[in-house]
N, C-alpha and C. Protein backbone atom coordinates (compact mmCIF):
# COMPACT_ATOMS: atom_id res chain seq x y z
N MET A 1 0.84 -1.19 0.00
CA MET A 1 0.00 0.00 0.00
C MET A 1 0.89 1.25 0.00
N THR A 2 0.53 2.25 -0.80
CA THR A 2 1.36 3.45 -0.89
C THR A 2 0.98 4.45 0.20
N LYS A 3 1.98 5.26 0.56
CA LYS A 3 1.75 6.30 1.55
C LYS A 3 0.94 7.42 0.93
N PRO A 4 0.03 8.04 1.67
CA PRO A 4 -0.68 9.20 1.13
C PRO A 4 0.26 10.39 0.95
N PHE A 5 -0.07 11.25 0.00
CA PHE A 5 0.76 12.43 -0.27
C PHE A 5 0.83 13.31 0.97
N GLU A 6 2.04 13.73 1.33
CA GLU A 6 2.23 14.59 2.48
C GLU A 6 3.05 15.80 2.09
N ARG A 7 2.58 16.97 2.45
CA ARG A 7 3.30 18.20 2.14
C ARG A 7 4.45 18.40 3.12
N HIS A 8 5.45 19.13 2.68
CA HIS A 8 6.63 19.32 3.52
C HIS A 8 6.45 20.43 4.55
N ARG A 9 5.69 21.43 4.24
CA ARG A 9 5.35 22.50 5.16
C ARG A 9 6.53 23.11 5.90
N GLN A 10 7.35 23.85 5.17
CA GLN A 10 8.46 24.57 5.81
C GLN A 10 7.92 25.86 6.41
N ALA A 11 8.42 26.20 7.55
CA ALA A 11 8.02 27.45 8.20
C ALA A 11 8.57 28.64 7.40
N TRP A 12 7.82 29.73 7.39
CA TRP A 12 8.26 30.94 6.70
C TRP A 12 9.24 31.69 7.60
N THR A 13 10.36 32.12 7.02
CA THR A 13 11.32 32.93 7.77
C THR A 13 10.95 34.40 7.63
N ALA A 14 11.47 35.23 8.50
CA ALA A 14 11.20 36.67 8.45
C ALA A 14 11.69 37.26 7.12
N ASP A 15 12.84 36.78 6.62
CA ASP A 15 13.38 37.28 5.35
C ASP A 15 12.46 36.93 4.19
N GLU A 16 11.92 35.71 4.20
CA GLU A 16 11.00 35.30 3.12
C GLU A 16 9.73 36.13 3.14
N ILE A 17 9.21 36.40 4.33
CA ILE A 17 7.99 37.20 4.45
C ILE A 17 8.24 38.62 3.95
N GLN A 18 9.39 39.17 4.31
CA GLN A 18 9.75 40.52 3.86
C GLN A 18 9.86 40.57 2.34
N LYS A 19 10.50 39.57 1.76
CA LYS A 19 10.66 39.51 0.32
C LYS A 19 9.30 39.34 -0.38
N LEU A 20 8.43 38.54 0.21
CA LEU A 20 7.08 38.35 -0.34
C LEU A 20 6.34 39.68 -0.38
N HIS A 21 6.43 40.46 0.70
CA HIS A 21 5.77 41.76 0.75
C HIS A 21 6.34 42.71 -0.31
N GLN A 22 7.66 42.71 -0.47
CA GLN A 22 8.30 43.58 -1.46
C GLN A 22 7.86 43.21 -2.88
N LEU A 23 7.89 41.94 -3.20
CA LEU A 23 7.55 41.50 -4.55
C LEU A 23 6.08 41.73 -4.86
N ALA A 24 5.23 41.53 -3.87
CA ALA A 24 3.79 41.76 -4.07
C ALA A 24 3.52 43.24 -4.31
N LYS A 25 4.24 44.12 -3.59
CA LYS A 25 4.06 45.56 -3.78
C LYS A 25 4.53 46.01 -5.16
N LYS A 26 5.54 45.31 -5.71
CA LYS A 26 6.03 45.65 -7.05
C LYS A 26 5.04 45.22 -8.13
N GLY A 27 4.08 44.38 -7.75
CA GLY A 27 3.09 43.93 -8.71
C GLY A 27 3.49 42.68 -9.48
N MET A 28 4.41 41.90 -8.94
CA MET A 28 4.83 40.68 -9.61
C MET A 28 3.73 39.63 -9.55
N ALA A 29 3.74 38.74 -10.53
CA ALA A 29 2.74 37.68 -10.62
C ALA A 29 3.05 36.58 -9.61
N LEU A 30 2.03 35.81 -9.28
CA LEU A 30 2.16 34.72 -8.31
C LEU A 30 3.23 33.73 -8.70
N LYS A 31 3.25 33.35 -9.96
CA LYS A 31 4.22 32.36 -10.45
C LYS A 31 5.66 32.88 -10.27
N ALA A 32 5.88 34.14 -10.58
CA ALA A 32 7.21 34.74 -10.46
C ALA A 32 7.65 34.84 -9.00
N ILE A 33 6.71 35.19 -8.12
CA ILE A 33 7.02 35.29 -6.70
C ILE A 33 7.37 33.91 -6.14
N ALA A 34 6.59 32.91 -6.52
CA ALA A 34 6.84 31.55 -6.05
C ALA A 34 8.22 31.06 -6.49
N LYS A 35 8.59 31.38 -7.73
CA LYS A 35 9.89 30.97 -8.24
C LYS A 35 11.01 31.70 -7.50
N ALA A 36 10.83 32.99 -7.25
CA ALA A 36 11.85 33.78 -6.55
C ALA A 36 12.06 33.28 -5.12
N LEU A 37 11.00 32.81 -4.50
CA LEU A 37 11.09 32.34 -3.11
C LEU A 37 11.33 30.84 -3.01
N THR A 38 11.37 30.18 -4.15
CA THR A 38 11.48 28.71 -4.24
C THR A 38 10.46 28.02 -3.34
N ARG A 39 9.22 28.44 -3.52
CA ARG A 39 8.07 27.85 -2.81
C ARG A 39 6.98 27.59 -3.82
N SER A 40 6.01 26.79 -3.43
CA SER A 40 4.90 26.49 -4.34
C SER A 40 3.99 27.71 -4.45
N GLU A 41 3.27 27.78 -5.57
CA GLU A 41 2.33 28.89 -5.76
C GLU A 41 1.25 28.87 -4.69
N GLU A 42 0.81 27.68 -4.33
CA GLU A 42 -0.23 27.54 -3.30
C GLU A 42 0.25 28.07 -1.96
N SER A 43 1.49 27.77 -1.61
CA SER A 43 2.07 28.23 -0.36
C SER A 43 2.16 29.76 -0.33
N VAL A 44 2.62 30.33 -1.44
CA VAL A 44 2.75 31.79 -1.53
C VAL A 44 1.37 32.44 -1.44
N LYS A 45 0.40 31.87 -2.15
CA LYS A 45 -0.95 32.43 -2.16
C LYS A 45 -1.56 32.39 -0.75
N ASP A 46 -1.38 31.28 -0.05
CA ASP A 46 -1.92 31.15 1.30
C ASP A 46 -1.28 32.15 2.26
N ARG A 47 0.04 32.32 2.15
CA ARG A 47 0.75 33.26 3.03
C ARG A 47 0.33 34.70 2.74
N ALA A 48 0.20 35.03 1.46
CA ALA A 48 -0.21 36.38 1.08
C ALA A 48 -1.62 36.68 1.59
N LYS A 49 -2.48 35.70 1.51
CA LYS A 49 -3.85 35.87 2.00
C LYS A 49 -3.86 36.07 3.50
N ALA A 50 -3.03 35.31 4.22
CA ALA A 50 -2.94 35.43 5.67
C ALA A 50 -2.42 36.80 6.08
N ASP A 51 -1.53 37.37 5.26
CA ASP A 51 -0.96 38.69 5.56
C ASP A 51 -1.78 39.83 4.97
N GLY A 52 -2.85 39.51 4.25
CA GLY A 52 -3.70 40.54 3.67
C GLY A 52 -3.10 41.21 2.45
N LEU A 53 -2.23 40.49 1.73
CA LEU A 53 -1.59 41.05 0.53
C LEU A 53 -2.40 40.68 -0.71
N GLY A 54 -2.38 41.59 -1.67
CA GLY A 54 -2.99 41.29 -2.96
C GLY A 54 -1.88 40.95 -3.94
N ILE A 55 -2.09 39.87 -4.71
CA ILE A 55 -1.09 39.46 -5.69
C ILE A 55 -1.67 39.70 -7.08
N ALA A 56 -0.86 40.30 -7.94
CA ALA A 56 -1.30 40.62 -9.29
C ALA A 56 -1.62 39.36 -10.08
N LYS A 57 -2.64 39.43 -10.89
CA LYS A 57 -2.97 38.31 -11.77
C LYS A 57 -2.44 38.61 -13.16
N LEU A 58 -1.94 37.59 -13.83
CA LEU A 58 -1.44 37.77 -15.19
C LEU A 58 -2.60 38.00 -16.14
N ARG A 59 -2.40 38.88 -17.10
CA ARG A 59 -3.45 39.16 -18.09
C ARG A 59 -2.96 38.87 -19.47
């Protein structure tokens, strides 16, 4: 029987949170922010929502 999928769930550091705020203020897209922070898009989106940040959507 296979193990169920388990996320790694790394804690956010103060530097990562600061960088997330800076990149979101610059208007960067979710995908670009996730790549810059080497985190999943879902993780970045959840953290931004928890901090009350708006992330630009690609058009």
